[in-house]
Amino acid sequence: MILKIVTLFLVGMGVLAMFGKLRLPKIQAYENRKCPKCGSFKIGKSPCLCEKNKS
């Protein structure tokens, strides 16, 4: 009985680990959305606020 519970627990942890690895590339996509000059997040396709304030 205990062996069955341990096996189900390990299978469940393995499934959660697979879903966790699937989400990691999406997190890295947000890192690329930062402005290289000031480090703030860019929203949409418009330029960053630090570039708008120059002119």
Protein backbone atom coordinates (compact mmCIF):
# COMPACT_ATOMS: atom_id res chain seq x y z
CA MET A 1 0.00 0.00 0.00
CA ILE A 2 2.79 2.45 0.90
CA LEU A 3 4.67 1.51 -2.29
CA LYS A 4 1.57 2.38 -4.32
CA ILE A 5 1.27 5.80 -2.63
CA VAL A 6 4.96 6.57 -3.15
CA THR A 7 4.74 5.54 -6.82
CA LEU A 8 1.69 7.74 -7.44
CA PHE A 9 3.42 10.64 -5.68
CA LEU A 10 6.52 10.30 -7.85
CA VAL A 11 4.43 10.08 -11.03
CA GLY A 12 2.53 13.20 -9.98
CA MET A 13 5.76 15.07 -9.31
CA GLY A 14 7.08 14.01 -12.72
CA VAL A 15 3.96 15.34 -14.46
CA LEU A 16 4.25 18.66 -12.60
CA ALA A 17 7.92 18.90 -13.58
CA MET A 18 7.00 18.42 -17.25
CA PHE A 19 4.45 21.23 -17.10
CA GLY A 20 6.97 23.45 -15.32
CA LYS A 21 9.51 22.98 -18.11
CA LEU A 22 6.90 23.90 -20.70
CA ARG A 23 6.31 27.29 -19.05
CA LEU A 24 9.97 28.37 -18.83
CA PRO A 25 10.36 29.56 -22.46
CA LYS A 26 7.39 31.91 -21.99
CA ILE A 27 9.07 33.51 -19.00
CA GLN A 28 12.20 34.17 -21.05
CA ALA A 29 10.09 35.90 -23.71
CA TYR A 30 9.23 38.60 -21.16
CA GLU A 31 12.92 39.21 -20.51
CA ASN A 32 13.35 40.24 -24.16
CA ARG A 33 10.66 42.91 -23.81
CA LYS A 34 12.79 45.11 -21.59
CA CYS A 35 14.32 48.32 -22.90
CA PRO A 36 18.10 47.87 -23.26
CA LYS A 37 18.77 51.46 -22.14
CA CYS A 38 16.62 51.94 -19.04
CA GLY A 39 15.48 48.37 -18.23
CA SER A 40 11.76 49.13 -18.07
CA PHE A 41 9.23 46.86 -19.77
CA LYS A 42 8.05 47.85 -23.24
CA ILE A 43 4.33 47.49 -23.92
CA GLY A 44 3.24 46.94 -27.51
CA LYS A 45 5.35 47.96 -30.48
CA SER A 46 5.81 51.60 -29.54
CA PRO A 47 9.24 52.83 -28.43
CA CYS A 48 10.16 53.05 -24.77
CA LEU A 49 9.35 56.17 -22.75
CA CYS A 50 13.03 57.02 -22.41
CA GLU A 51 13.29 57.17 -26.22
CA LYS A 52 10.09 59.25 -26.53
CA ASN A 53 11.33 61.81 -24.01
CA LYS A 54 14.52 62.49 -26.00
CA SER A 55 12.79 64.54 -28.69
